[in-house]
C-alpha atoms as a PDB file:
ATOM      1  CA  MET A   1     -67.154  -6.366 -27.191  1.00  0.00           C
ATOM      2  CA  LEU A   2     -63.660  -8.467 -26.176  1.00  0.00           C
ATOM      3  CA  PRO A   3     -63.014  -8.021 -21.980  1.00  0.00           C
ATOM      4  CA  PRO A   4     -59.403  -6.236 -21.710  1.00  0.00           C
ATOM      5  CA  TRP A   5     -56.158  -7.528 -21.715  1.00  0.00           C
ATOM      6  CA  GLU A   6     -55.042  -8.234 -18.271  1.00  0.00           C
ATOM      7  CA  LYS A   7     -51.260  -6.725 -19.232  1.00  0.00           C
ATOM      8  CA  MET A   8     -50.292  -7.595 -15.097  1.00  0.00           C
ATOM      9  CA  ALA A   9     -51.246 -11.115 -15.771  1.00  0.00           C
ATOM     10  CA  MET A  10     -49.820 -11.999 -18.475  1.00  0.00           C
ATOM     11  CA  THR A  11     -46.619 -11.040 -17.468  1.00  0.00           C
ATOM     12  CA  MET A  12     -46.510 -12.697 -14.634  1.00  0.00           C
ATOM     13  CA  GLY A  13     -43.811 -14.958 -16.221  1.00  0.00           C
ATOM     14  CA  LEU A  14     -45.666 -18.367 -15.230  1.00  0.00           C
ATOM     15  CA  TYR A  15     -43.374 -20.412 -17.543  1.00  0.00           C
ATOM     16  CA  ILE A  16     -41.076 -19.890 -15.346  1.00  0.00           C
ATOM     17  CA  ASN A  17     -42.236 -18.312 -11.597  1.00  0.00           C
ATOM     18  CA  GLN A  18     -44.391 -20.746  -9.364  1.00  0.00           C
ATOM     19  CA  TYR A  19     -47.101 -19.003  -7.338  1.00  0.00           C
ATOM     20  CA  GLU A  20     -48.694 -20.356  -4.514  1.00  0.00           C
ATOM     21  CA  ASN A  21     -51.949 -19.345  -2.761  1.00  0.00           C
ATOM     22  CA  ASP A  22     -52.136 -20.056   1.233  1.00  0.00           C
ATOM     23  CA  THR A  23     -52.787 -23.147   1.080  1.00  0.00           C
ATOM     24  CA  GLY A  24     -49.399 -24.403  -0.517  1.00  0.00           C
ATOM     25  CA  ASN A  25     -51.667 -25.148  -4.063  1.00  0.00           C
ATOM     26  CA  LEU A  26     -50.547 -24.043  -7.150  1.00  0.00           C
ATOM     27  CA  SER A  27     -53.652 -21.313  -8.038  1.00  0.00           C
ATOM     28  CA  PHE A  28     -52.972 -18.394 -10.268  1.00  0.00           C
ATOM     29  CA  LYS A  29     -56.759 -17.761  -9.937  1.00  0.00           C
ATOM     30  CA  ASP A  30     -56.281 -17.256  -6.258  1.00  0.00           C
ATOM     31  CA  LEU A  31     -53.508 -15.041  -6.373  1.00  0.00           C
ATOM     32  CA  ASN A  32     -53.511 -11.721  -4.926  1.00  0.00           C
ATOM     33  CA  VAL A  33     -50.061  -9.505  -6.176  1.00  0.00           C
ATOM     34  CA  ASN A  34     -49.473  -6.573  -4.468  1.00  0.00           C
ATOM     35  CA  GLU A  35     -48.022  -4.925  -7.192  1.00  0.00           C
ATOM     36  CA  GLN A  36     -48.632  -2.151  -9.266  1.00  0.00           C
ATOM     37  CA  LEU A  37     -48.121  -1.966 -13.013  1.00  0.00           C
ATOM     38  CA  LEU A  38     -45.983   1.303 -13.887  1.00  0.00           C
ATOM     39  CA  TYR A  39     -44.888   0.514 -17.191  1.00  0.00           C
ATOM     40  CA  TYR A  40     -46.051  -1.970 -19.995  1.00  0.00           C
ATOM     41  CA  LYS A  41     -44.149  -1.834 -23.660  1.00  0.00           C
ATOM     42  CA  GLU A  42     -44.426  -4.647 -26.256  1.00  0.00           C
ATOM     43  CA  GLY A  43     -41.265  -4.382 -28.056  1.00  0.00           C
ATOM     44  CA  LEU A  44     -39.663  -6.389 -30.968  1.00  0.00           C
ATOM     45  CA  ASN A  45     -37.653  -8.001 -28.868  1.00  0.00           C
ATOM     46  CA  ALA A  46     -39.830  -8.748 -25.354  1.00  0.00           C
ATOM     47  CA  ILE A  47     -42.401  -7.074 -23.764  1.00  0.00           C
ATOM     48  CA  ILE A  48     -40.826  -5.080 -20.673  1.00  0.00           C
ATOM     49  CA  THR A  49     -42.796  -4.259 -17.698  1.00  0.00           C
ATOM     50  CA  VAL A  50     -42.205  -2.379 -14.418  1.00  0.00           C
ATOM     51  CA  ARG A  51     -43.539  -3.255 -11.019  1.00  0.00           C
ATOM     52  CA  GLY A  52     -44.321  -0.779  -7.934  1.00  0.00           C
ATOM     53  CA  SER A  53     -44.809  -2.185  -4.786  1.00  0.00           C
ATOM     54  CA  GLY A  54     -44.558  -0.799  -1.021  1.00  0.00           C
ATOM     55  CA  PRO A  55     -46.643   2.330   0.345  1.00  0.00           C
ATOM     56  CA  ASN A  56     -44.933   4.592  -1.777  1.00  0.00           C
ATOM     57  CA  LEU A  57     -43.533   2.445  -4.497  1.00  0.00           C
ATOM     58  CA  GLU A  58     -39.790   2.086  -2.808  1.00  0.00           C
ATOM     59  CA  VAL A  59     -39.829  -0.923  -4.669  1.00  0.00           C
ATOM     60  CA  ILE A  60     -39.173  -0.952  -8.162  1.00  0.00           C
ATOM     61  CA  SER A  61     -38.975  -4.054 -10.477  1.00  0.00           C
ATOM     62  CA  TYR A  62     -38.357  -4.573 -14.478  1.00  0.00           C
ATOM     63  CA  GLN A  63     -39.085  -8.045 -15.912  1.00  0.00           C
ATOM     64  CA  SER A  64     -38.673  -8.747 -19.483  1.00  0.00           C
ATOM     65  CA  ASN A  65     -41.442 -11.461 -21.028  1.00  0.00           C
ATOM     66  CA  GLY A  66     -42.504 -11.779 -17.086  1.00  0.00           C
ATOM     67  CA  LYS A  67     -38.897 -12.675 -15.902  1.00  0.00           C
ATOM     68  CA  GLN A  68     -37.801 -10.164 -13.732  1.00  0.00           C
ATOM     69  CA  GLU A  69     -34.170  -8.892 -14.426  1.00  0.00           C
ATOM     70  CA  ALA A  70     -33.229  -6.118 -11.293  1.00  0.00           C
ATOM     71  CA  ARG A  71     -34.766  -4.607  -8.212  1.00  0.00           C
ATOM     72  CA  SER A  72     -34.149  -1.576  -6.436  1.00  0.00           C
ATOM     73  CA  GLU A  73     -35.924  -0.844  -2.540  1.00  0.00           C
ATOM     74  CA  SER A  74     -35.770   2.906  -1.367  1.00  0.00           C
ATOM     75  CA  GLY A  75     -33.423   3.642  -4.311  1.00  0.00           C
ATOM     76  CA  ARG A  76     -30.688   1.525  -3.700  1.00  0.00           C
ATOM     77  CA  PRO A  77     -28.486   0.039  -5.988  1.00  0.00           C
ATOM     78  CA  SER A  78     -28.439  -4.028  -6.436  1.00  0.00           C
ATOM     79  CA  TRP A  79     -25.665  -5.402  -5.238  1.00  0.00           C
ATOM     80  CA  SER A  80     -25.043  -8.238  -8.560  1.00  0.00           C
ATOM     81  CA  TRP A  81     -25.495  -5.207 -11.319  1.00  0.00           C
ATOM     82  CA  SER A  82     -23.659  -2.901  -9.337  1.00  0.00           C
ATOM     83  CA  VAL A  83     -20.563  -5.142  -8.499  1.00  0.00           C
ATOM     84  CA  LEU A  84     -20.336  -5.998 -12.782  1.00  0.00           C
ATOM     85  CA  GLY A  85     -19.734  -2.444 -13.429  1.00  0.00           C
ATOM     86  CA  HIS A  86     -16.778  -1.524 -10.280  1.00  0.00           C
ATOM     87  CA  ILE A  87     -14.480  -4.320 -10.224  1.00  0.00           C
ATOM     88  CA  PRO A  88     -13.442  -3.933 -13.812  1.00  0.00           C
ATOM     89  CA  MET A  89     -13.059  -0.470 -13.115  1.00  0.00           C
ATOM     90  CA  MET A  90     -11.552  -0.364  -9.792  1.00  0.00           C
ATOM     91  CA  LEU A  91      -8.605  -2.947 -11.360  1.00  0.00           C
ATOM     92  CA  HIS A  92      -8.090  -1.381 -14.225  1.00  0.00           C
ATOM     93  CA  ASN A  93      -4.003  -0.827 -13.979  1.00  0.00           C
ATOM     94  CA  SER A  94      -4.537   2.842 -15.049  1.00  0.00           C
ATOM     95  CA  GLU A  95      -7.769   5.087 -15.163  1.00  0.00           C
ATOM     96  CA  PRO A  96      -9.772   3.542 -18.153  1.00  0.00           C
ATOM     97  CA  LYS A  97     -11.153   6.357 -20.859  1.00  0.00           C
ATOM     98  CA  GLU A  98     -12.884   4.295 -23.348  1.00  0.00           C
ATOM     99  CA  THR A  99     -15.585   1.935 -22.050  1.00  0.00           C
ATOM    100  CA  LEU A 100     -17.970  -0.199 -23.428  1.00  0.00           C
ATOM    101  CA  LEU A 101     -21.133  -1.352 -21.759  1.00  0.00           C
ATOM    102  CA  ILE A 102     -23.360  -4.158 -23.792  1.00  0.00           C
ATOM    103  CA  GLY A 103     -26.851  -4.682 -22.233  1.00  0.00           C
ATOM    104  CA  LEU A 104     -28.499  -1.389 -20.479  1.00  0.00           C
ATOM    105  CA  GLY A 105     -30.943  -3.365 -17.894  1.00  0.00           C
ATOM    106  CA  SER A 106     -31.992  -1.200 -14.894  1.00  0.00           C
ATOM    107  CA  GLY A 107     -29.033   1.192 -15.653  1.00  0.00           C
ATOM    108  CA  ILE A 108     -27.314   0.676 -12.151  1.00  0.00           C
ATOM    109  CA  THR A 109     -24.275  -1.097 -14.152  1.00  0.00           C
ATOM    110  CA  LEU A 110     -23.688   2.007 -15.913  1.00  0.00           C
ATOM    111  CA  GLY A 111     -23.918   3.961 -13.417  1.00  0.00           C
ATOM    112  CA  ALA A 112     -21.506   2.396 -11.205  1.00  0.00           C
ATOM    113  CA  MET A 113     -19.463   2.875 -14.374  1.00  0.00           C
ATOM    114  CA  GLU A 114     -19.787   6.770 -14.140  1.00  0.00           C
ATOM    115  CA  TYR A 115     -18.215   7.270 -11.066  1.00  0.00           C
ATOM    116  CA  TYR A 116     -14.749   6.565 -12.209  1.00  0.00           C
ATOM    117  CA  GLN A 117     -12.943   9.189 -14.883  1.00  0.00           C
ATOM    118  CA  VAL A 118     -13.659   8.231 -17.928  1.00  0.00           C
ATOM    119  CA  ASP A 119     -13.887   9.672 -20.858  1.00  0.00           C
ATOM    120  CA  SER A 120     -16.466   8.028 -22.858  1.00  0.00           C
ATOM    121  CA  ILE A 121     -19.463   5.270 -22.492  1.00  0.00           C
ATOM    122  CA  ASP A 122     -20.533   3.858 -24.688  1.00  0.00           C
ATOM    123  CA  ALA A 123     -23.842   1.334 -23.885  1.00  0.00           C
ATOM    124  CA  VAL A 124     -25.440  -0.997 -26.354  1.00  0.00           C
ATOM    125  CA  GLU A 125     -29.220  -2.105 -25.871  1.00  0.00           C
ATOM    126  CA  LEU A 126     -31.194  -4.125 -27.990  1.00  0.00           C
ATOM    127  CA  GLU A 127     -34.739  -3.540 -26.977  1.00  0.00           C
ATOM    128  CA  PRO A 128     -35.873   0.372 -26.457  1.00  0.00           C
ATOM    129  CA  GLY A 129     -38.391  -0.719 -23.712  1.00  0.00           C
ATOM    130  CA  VAL A 130     -35.334  -1.206 -21.555  1.00  0.00           C
ATOM    131  CA  VAL A 131     -34.267   2.397 -21.911  1.00  0.00           C
ATOM    132  CA  ASP A 132     -37.599   3.643 -20.488  1.00  0.00           C
ATOM    133  CA  ALA A 133     -37.700   0.761 -17.829  1.00  0.00           C
ATOM    134  CA  ALA A 134     -34.214   2.080 -16.593  1.00  0.00           C
ATOM    135  CA  ARG A 135     -35.356   5.635 -16.109  1.00  0.00           C
ATOM    136  CA  PHE A 136     -37.413   3.976 -13.399  1.00  0.00           C
ATOM    137  CA  PHE A 137     -34.222   3.406 -11.542  1.00  0.00           C
ATOM    138  CA  SER A 138     -33.067   6.672 -12.077  1.00  0.00           C
ATOM    139  CA  LYS A 139     -32.449   6.641  -8.243  1.00  0.00           C
ATOM    140  CA  ALA A 140     -30.812   3.681  -7.371  1.00  0.00           C
ATOM    141  CA  ASN A 141     -28.466   4.482 -10.727  1.00  0.00           C
ATOM    142  CA  ASN A 142     -28.173   7.912 -10.358  1.00  0.00           C
ATOM    143  CA  ASN A 143     -29.443   9.348 -13.012  1.00  0.00           C
ATOM    144  CA  ALA A 144     -26.863   7.075 -15.301  1.00  0.00           C
ATOM    145  CA  LEU A 145     -28.674   7.579 -18.790  1.00  0.00           C
ATOM    146  CA  ASP A 146     -28.268  11.582 -18.205  1.00  0.00           C
ATOM    147  CA  ASP A 147     -24.795  11.367 -17.874  1.00  0.00           C
ATOM    148  CA  PRO A 148     -23.229  13.621 -20.992  1.00  0.00           C
ATOM    149  CA  ARG A 149     -20.261  11.090 -21.777  1.00  0.00           C
ATOM    150  CA  VAL A 150     -22.801   8.053 -22.243  1.00  0.00           C
ATOM    151  CA  ARG A 151     -23.606   7.356 -26.336  1.00  0.00           C
ATOM    152  CA  LEU A 152     -26.587   4.906 -26.183  1.00  0.00           C
ATOM    153  CA  HIS A 153     -26.784   2.450 -29.648  1.00  0.00           C
ATOM    154  CA  LEU A 154     -30.020   0.923 -29.781  1.00  0.00           C
ATOM    155  CA  THR A 155     -28.912  -1.903 -31.538  1.00  0.00           C
ATOM    156  CA  ASP A 156     -27.806  -5.536 -31.083  1.00  0.00           C
ATOM    157  CA  GLY A 157     -24.331  -6.435 -29.199  1.00  0.00           C
ATOM    158  CA  ARG A 158     -22.834  -8.895 -31.750  1.00  0.00           C
ATOM    159  CA  SER A 159     -23.803  -6.015 -34.987  1.00  0.00           C
ATOM    160  CA  PHE A 160     -22.447  -3.073 -32.848  1.00  0.00           C
ATOM    161  CA  LEU A 161     -19.045  -5.069 -32.347  1.00  0.00           C
ATOM    162  CA  SER A 162     -18.590  -6.327 -35.465  1.00  0.00           C
ATOM    163  CA  THR A 163     -19.283  -2.609 -37.394  1.00  0.00           C
ATOM    164  CA  ALA A 164     -17.095  -0.600 -33.908  1.00  0.00           C
ATOM    165  CA  SER A 165     -14.177   1.378 -35.467  1.00  0.00           C
ATOM    166  CA  LYS A 166     -12.453   1.758 -32.007  1.00  0.00           C
ATOM    167  CA  LYS A 167     -11.250  -0.031 -28.883  1.00  0.00           C
ATOM    168  CA  TYR A 168     -11.965   0.256 -25.133  1.00  0.00           C
ATOM    169  CA  ASP A 169      -9.707   0.037 -21.995  1.00  0.00           C
ATOM    170  CA  VAL A 170     -12.983  -1.717 -20.401  1.00  0.00           C
ATOM    171  CA  ILE A 171     -15.685  -3.806 -22.101  1.00  0.00           C
ATOM    172  CA  ILE A 172     -18.712  -4.923 -19.306  1.00  0.00           C
ATOM    173  CA  SER A 173     -21.405  -7.413 -20.858  1.00  0.00           C
ATOM    174  CA  GLY A 174     -24.038  -7.414 -18.510  1.00  0.00           C
ATOM    175  CA  VAL A 175     -26.756  -9.662 -20.550  1.00  0.00           C
ATOM    176  CA  SER A 176     -29.493 -11.691 -18.719  1.00  0.00           C
ATOM    177  CA  ASP A 177     -29.539 -15.377 -18.962  1.00  0.00           C
ATOM    178  CA  PRO A 178     -27.972 -17.333 -21.576  1.00  0.00           C
ATOM    179  CA  TRP A 179     -31.240 -19.809 -21.500  1.00  0.00           C
ATOM    180  CA  ILE A 180     -33.426 -17.141 -22.907  1.00  0.00           C
ATOM    181  CA  SER A 181     -34.174 -16.846 -26.368  1.00  0.00           C
ATOM    182  CA  GLY A 182     -31.721 -14.443 -28.407  1.00  0.00           C
ATOM    183  CA  VAL A 183     -29.306 -14.147 -25.296  1.00  0.00           C
ATOM    184  CA  SER A 184     -27.504 -17.266 -25.598  1.00  0.00           C
ATOM    185  CA  ASN A 185     -25.462 -16.244 -28.633  1.00  0.00           C
ATOM    186  CA  LEU A 186     -24.013 -13.469 -26.860  1.00  0.00           C
ATOM    187  CA  PHE A 187     -22.149 -16.217 -24.561  1.00  0.00           C
ATOM    188  CA  THR A 188     -20.649 -18.246 -27.125  1.00  0.00           C
ATOM    189  CA  TYR A 189     -17.058 -18.241 -28.396  1.00  0.00           C
ATOM    190  CA  ASN A 190     -17.521 -16.103 -31.251  1.00  0.00           C
ATOM    191  CA  TYR A 191     -18.743 -13.586 -28.984  1.00  0.00           C
ATOM    192  CA  PHE A 192     -15.983 -13.476 -26.922  1.00  0.00           C
ATOM    193  CA  GLU A 193     -13.774 -13.120 -29.679  1.00  0.00           C
ATOM    194  CA  GLU A 194     -15.474 -10.111 -30.798  1.00  0.00           C
ATOM    195  CA  LEU A 195     -15.026  -8.603 -27.060  1.00  0.00           C
ATOM    196  CA  LYS A 196     -11.118  -9.437 -27.570  1.00  0.00           C
ATOM    197  CA  LYS A 197     -11.015  -7.145 -30.533  1.00  0.00           C
ATOM    198  CA  ARG A 198     -12.084  -4.416 -29.624  1.00  0.00           C
ATOM    199  CA  LEU A 199     -10.400  -4.421 -26.396  1.00  0.00           C
ATOM    200  CA  ASN A 200      -7.088  -2.440 -26.044  1.00  0.00           C
ATOM    201  CA  ASP A 201      -3.747  -3.325 -24.863  1.00  0.00           C
ATOM    202  CA  ASP A 202      -3.923  -3.795 -20.716  1.00  0.00           C
ATOM    203  CA  GLY A 203      -7.614  -3.634 -20.984  1.00  0.00           C
ATOM    204  CA  ILE A 204     -10.352  -5.608 -19.105  1.00  0.00           C
ATOM    205  CA  VAL A 205     -13.349  -7.451 -20.010  1.00  0.00           C
ATOM    206  CA  ALA A 206     -16.015  -8.850 -17.495  1.00  0.00           C
ATOM    207  CA  VAL A 207     -18.893 -10.872 -18.643  1.00  0.00           C
ATOM    208  CA  TRP A 208     -21.644 -11.334 -16.015  1.00  0.00           C
ATOM    209  CA  PHE A 209     -22.711 -15.271 -15.832  1.00  0.00           C
ATOM    210  CA  SER A 210     -25.880 -16.104 -14.296  1.00  0.00           C
ATOM    211  CA  ASN A 211     -26.119 -19.623 -12.857  1.00  0.00           C
ATOM    212  CA  TYR A 212     -29.879 -19.286 -12.389  1.00  0.00           C
ATOM    213  CA  LYS A 213     -31.968 -21.920 -14.052  1.00  0.00           C
ATOM    214  CA  SER A 214     -28.871 -23.621 -15.795  1.00  0.00           C
ATOM    215  CA  THR A 215     -27.596 -26.751 -15.150  1.00  0.00           C
ATOM    216  CA  PRO A 216     -23.746 -27.476 -14.107  1.00  0.00           C
ATOM    217  CA  ASP A 217     -22.866 -28.636 -17.653  1.00  0.00           C
ATOM    218  CA  ASP A 218     -24.313 -25.365 -19.598  1.00  0.00           C
ATOM    219  CA  PHE A 219     -22.476 -23.369 -16.249  1.00  0.00           C
ATOM    220  CA  LYS A 220     -18.849 -25.166 -17.445  1.00  0.00           C
ATOM    221  CA  ILE A 221     -19.801 -24.493 -21.286  1.00  0.00           C
ATOM    222  CA  GLY A 222     -20.087 -20.802 -20.580  1.00  0.00           C
ATOM    223  CA  LEU A 223     -17.153 -20.715 -18.786  1.00  0.00           C
ATOM    224  CA  ASN A 224     -14.856 -22.600 -21.218  1.00  0.00           C
ATOM    225  CA  SER A 225     -16.139 -20.626 -24.149  1.00  0.00           C
ATOM    226  CA  PHE A 226     -14.476 -17.613 -22.113  1.00  0.00           C
ATOM    227  CA  ALA A 227     -12.064 -19.080 -21.210  1.00  0.00           C
ATOM    228  CA  ALA A 228     -10.824 -20.599 -24.408  1.00  0.00           C
ATOM    229  CA  VAL A 229     -10.717 -17.067 -25.743  1.00  0.00           C
ATOM    230  CA  PHE A 230      -9.039 -15.518 -22.422  1.00  0.00           C
ATOM    231  CA  PRO A 231      -6.868 -18.483 -21.072  1.00  0.00           C
ATOM    232  CA  HIS A 232      -6.206 -16.896 -17.913  1.00  0.00           C
ATOM    233  CA  ILE A 233      -9.085 -15.135 -16.057  1.00  0.00           C
ATOM    234  CA  SER A 234     -10.710 -15.231 -12.630  1.00  0.00           C
ATOM    235  CA  ALA A 235     -14.397 -15.643 -11.582  1.00  0.00           C
ATOM    236  CA  TRP A 236     -16.256 -13.659  -8.667  1.00  0.00           C
ATOM    237  CA  PHE A 237     -18.897 -14.365  -6.679  1.00  0.00           C
ATOM    238  CA  HIS A 238     -20.957 -11.482  -5.719  1.00  0.00           C
ATOM    239  CA  TYR A 239     -22.351 -13.031  -2.266  1.00  0.00           C
ATOM    240  CA  ARG A 240     -22.522 -16.650  -1.299  1.00  0.00           C
ATOM    241  CA  ALA A 241     -26.300 -17.372  -1.571  1.00  0.00           C
ATOM    242  CA  ALA A 242     -26.275 -17.031  -4.988  1.00  0.00           C
ATOM    243  CA  LEU A 243     -24.266 -18.604  -7.971  1.00  0.00           C
ATOM    244  CA  ASP A 244     -24.080 -15.871 -10.466  1.00  0.00           C
ATOM    245  CA  LEU A 245     -20.481 -14.589 -10.871  1.00  0.00           C
ATOM    246  CA  VAL A 246     -18.522 -12.122 -12.709  1.00  0.00           C
ATOM    247  CA  ALA A 247     -15.666 -13.216 -14.832  1.00  0.00           C
ATOM    248  CA  GLY A 248     -12.650 -10.997 -15.914  1.00  0.00           C
ATOM    249  CA  ARG A 249      -9.380 -11.136 -17.928  1.00  0.00           C
ATOM    250  CA  LYS A 250      -6.858  -8.814 -18.876  1.00  0.00           C
ATOM    251  CA  SER A 251      -5.917  -8.276 -22.055  1.00  0.00           C
ATOM    252  CA  GLY A 252      -2.389  -9.197 -22.782  1.00  0.00           C
ATOM    253  CA  ASP A 253      -2.398 -11.806 -20.352  1.00  0.00           C
ATOM    254  CA  ASP A 254      -1.233 -14.568 -22.929  1.00  0.00           C
ATOM    255  CA  LYS A 255       1.789 -12.878 -23.112  1.00  0.00           C
ATOM    256  CA  GLY A 256       2.058 -13.198 -19.232  1.00  0.00           C
ATOM    257  CA  LYS A 257       3.923 -16.167 -17.308  1.00  0.00           C
ATOM    258  CA  ARG A 258       1.601 -18.722 -14.863  1.00  0.00           C
ATOM    259  CA  GLY A 259       3.448 -17.908 -12.062  1.00  0.00           C
ATOM    260  CA  ASN A 260       2.342 -14.753 -11.673  1.00  0.00           C
ATOM    261  CA  GLU A 261      -1.445 -15.520 -12.265  1.00  0.00           C
ATOM    262  CA  HIS A 262      -2.103 -14.766  -8.213  1.00  0.00           C
ATOM    263  CA  ARG A 263      -0.736 -11.170  -8.334  1.00  0.00           C
ATOM    264  CA  ASN A 264      -4.230  -9.754  -8.842  1.00  0.00           C
ATOM    265  CA  PRO A 265      -7.181 -11.780  -7.684  1.00  0.00           C
ATOM    266  CA  LEU A 266      -9.361 -10.639 -11.069  1.00  0.00           C
ATOM    267  CA  LEU A 267      -6.589  -9.543 -13.194  1.00  0.00           C
ATOM    268  CA  SER A 268      -4.407 -13.258 -13.671  1.00  0.00           C
ATOM    269  CA  ARG A 269      -1.522 -13.007 -15.296  1.00  0.00           C
END
């Protein structure tokens, strides 16, 4: 006898998103959402949704607890998550063989990593619903999850690092915003030290930093924590309109000379 659970309405992320009607007044009751709910999963860690819009549902987006994490239009990969996958792979001194991605998301970063001649990619994702969501982006991520080189691990990123027995040539940490509950522990000094332990000599670690809804002090804390573990780093902005960036660091930089810091724009020496 109870009314049905309105999944779309309850996953619009009103705690972070503002919605206005035509008059400019805040009114969720009058909101007309031109989207279709394609996937809904209540997981142990988050509620994962995928929405589609457009004449042929050519615009796909995925949300975690109502907060949008990725978007693709007409099968094109998003610039931001593509940059995260390409930069550390392109600028490795040799061809990286063993690679690690922490945070699957839409799979676009994973798909970018697969363009390179690697032997294996360990992909770590905490929430199983995200894996299902990534398959909706198969055109944008080039069917990343079907690549035989990928080994998917459904576990916490820090737990994986503490129990892993191998080291990697490239490690990419592409988790969401640090102000989200449960994510901030992947932006700490201790976490960055775990990354350093799992990095091969001459390896590269890249971390996604989002400035969305963060204060300047929060942003500085994250970068300074990273720099405390990896003293010589560089920051890459993926486009001018945003303040999200990729911070990268090459293993062994501590032994280098500061006079060579600008030899390569990512691998500060």
